[in-house]
Amino acid sequence: MNKTELLISQKELDFKVICYPVALICCHKALVLMRA
């Protein structure tokens, strides 16, 4: 595994870590809006 691949996989991990909570919050808001 070269440095570029390592960097890309690290970025993907960061992306998932950032996006996962955001997606959860968005889903939660959507559910609340649908119920309202």
N, C-alpha and C. Protein backbone atom coordinates (compact mmCIF):
# COMPACT_ATOMS: atom_id res chain seq x y z
N MET A 1 0.85 -1.20 0.00
CA MET A 1 0.00 0.00 0.00
C MET A 1 0.88 1.25 0.00
N ASN A 2 0.72 2.08 -1.02
CA ASN A 2 1.54 3.28 -1.07
C ASN A 2 0.91 4.44 -0.29
N LYS A 3 1.64 5.53 -0.20
CA LYS A 3 1.19 6.66 0.63
C LYS A 3 -0.12 7.27 0.13
N THR A 4 -0.26 7.36 -1.19
CA THR A 4 -1.47 7.97 -1.75
C THR A 4 -2.71 7.17 -1.37
N GLU A 5 -2.63 5.85 -1.49
CA GLU A 5 -3.77 4.99 -1.13
C GLU A 5 -4.11 5.12 0.35
N LEU A 6 -3.07 5.21 1.17
CA LEU A 6 -3.26 5.35 2.60
C LEU A 6 -3.98 6.66 2.91
N LEU A 7 -3.55 7.72 2.23
CA LEU A 7 -4.15 9.05 2.42
C LEU A 7 -5.62 9.03 1.99
N ILE A 8 -5.90 8.38 0.87
CA ILE A 8 -7.28 8.31 0.36
C ILE A 8 -8.17 7.53 1.33
N SER A 9 -7.68 6.41 1.83
CA SER A 9 -8.48 5.61 2.77
C SER A 9 -8.71 6.38 4.06
N GLN A 10 -7.71 7.17 4.48
CA GLN A 10 -7.84 8.00 5.68
C GLN A 10 -8.92 9.06 5.45
N LYS A 11 -8.91 9.66 4.27
CA LYS A 11 -9.91 10.69 3.94
C LYS A 11 -11.31 10.08 3.89
N GLU A 12 -11.43 8.89 3.33
CA GLU A 12 -12.73 8.21 3.27
C GLU A 12 -13.26 7.94 4.67
N LEU A 13 -12.36 7.56 5.57
CA LEU A 13 -12.74 7.29 6.95
C LEU A 13 -13.24 8.57 7.61
N ASP A 14 -12.48 9.66 7.42
CA ASP A 14 -12.88 10.96 7.98
C ASP A 14 -14.25 11.36 7.43
N PHE A 15 -14.44 11.14 6.12
CA PHE A 15 -15.69 11.49 5.46
C PHE A 15 -16.86 10.73 6.08
N LYS A 16 -16.66 9.42 6.30
CA LYS A 16 -17.71 8.60 6.91
C LYS A 16 -18.00 9.05 8.33
N VAL A 17 -16.95 9.35 9.08
CA VAL A 17 -17.11 9.78 10.47
C VAL A 17 -17.90 11.09 10.54
N ILE A 18 -17.66 11.98 9.57
CA ILE A 18 -18.36 13.27 9.55
C ILE A 18 -19.78 13.10 9.02
N CYS A 19 -19.95 12.32 7.96
CA CYS A 19 -21.25 12.18 7.29
C CYS A 19 -22.25 11.36 8.08
N TYR A 20 -21.78 10.36 8.80
CA TYR A 20 -22.70 9.47 9.50
C TYR A 20 -23.60 10.21 10.50
N PRO A 21 -23.03 11.01 11.42
CA PRO A 21 -23.88 11.76 12.35
C PRO A 21 -24.78 12.76 11.63
N VAL A 22 -24.26 13.39 10.59
CA VAL A 22 -25.06 14.36 9.83
C VAL A 22 -26.26 13.67 9.19
N ALA A 23 -26.03 12.49 8.63
CA ALA A 23 -27.11 11.73 8.01
C ALA A 23 -28.15 11.33 9.06
N LEU A 24 -27.68 10.92 10.24
CA LEU A 24 -28.60 10.55 11.32
C LEU A 24 -29.47 11.73 11.73
N ILE A 25 -28.84 12.90 11.87
CA ILE A 25 -29.58 14.11 12.26
C ILE A 25 -30.62 14.46 11.20
N CYS A 26 -30.22 14.37 9.93
CA CYS A 26 -31.15 14.67 8.83
C CYS A 26 -32.33 13.72 8.83
N CYS A 27 -32.07 12.44 9.03
CA CYS A 27 -33.14 11.44 9.07
C CYS A 27 -34.08 11.72 10.23
N HIS A 28 -33.51 12.07 11.37
CA HIS A 28 -34.30 12.35 12.56
C HIS A 28 -35.21 13.55 12.31
N LYS A 29 -34.64 14.61 11.72
CA LYS A 29 -35.44 15.81 11.42
C LYS A 29 -36.55 15.49 10.44
N ALA A 30 -36.24 14.67 9.43
CA ALA A 30 -37.25 14.29 8.43
C ALA A 30 -38.39 13.53 9.10
N LEU A 31 -38.06 12.62 10.00
CA LEU A 31 -39.08 11.84 10.71
C LEU A 31 -39.96 12.75 11.57
N VAL A 32 -39.33 13.69 12.26
CA VAL A 32 -40.07 14.63 13.11
C VAL A 32 -41.02 15.47 12.25
N LEU A 33 -40.52 15.93 11.09
CA LEU A 33 -41.35 16.74 10.20
C LEU A 33 -42.52 15.94 9.64
N MET A 34 -42.29 14.67 9.32
CA MET A 34 -43.36 13.83 8.78
C MET A 34 -44.45 13.58 9.82
N ARG A 35 -44.04 13.45 11.08
CA ARG A 35 -45.00 13.19 12.14
C ARG A 35 -45.81 14.44 12.46
N ALA A 36 -45.17 15.60 12.31
CA ALA A 36 -45.82 16.86 12.70
C ALA A 36 -47.00 17.20 11.78
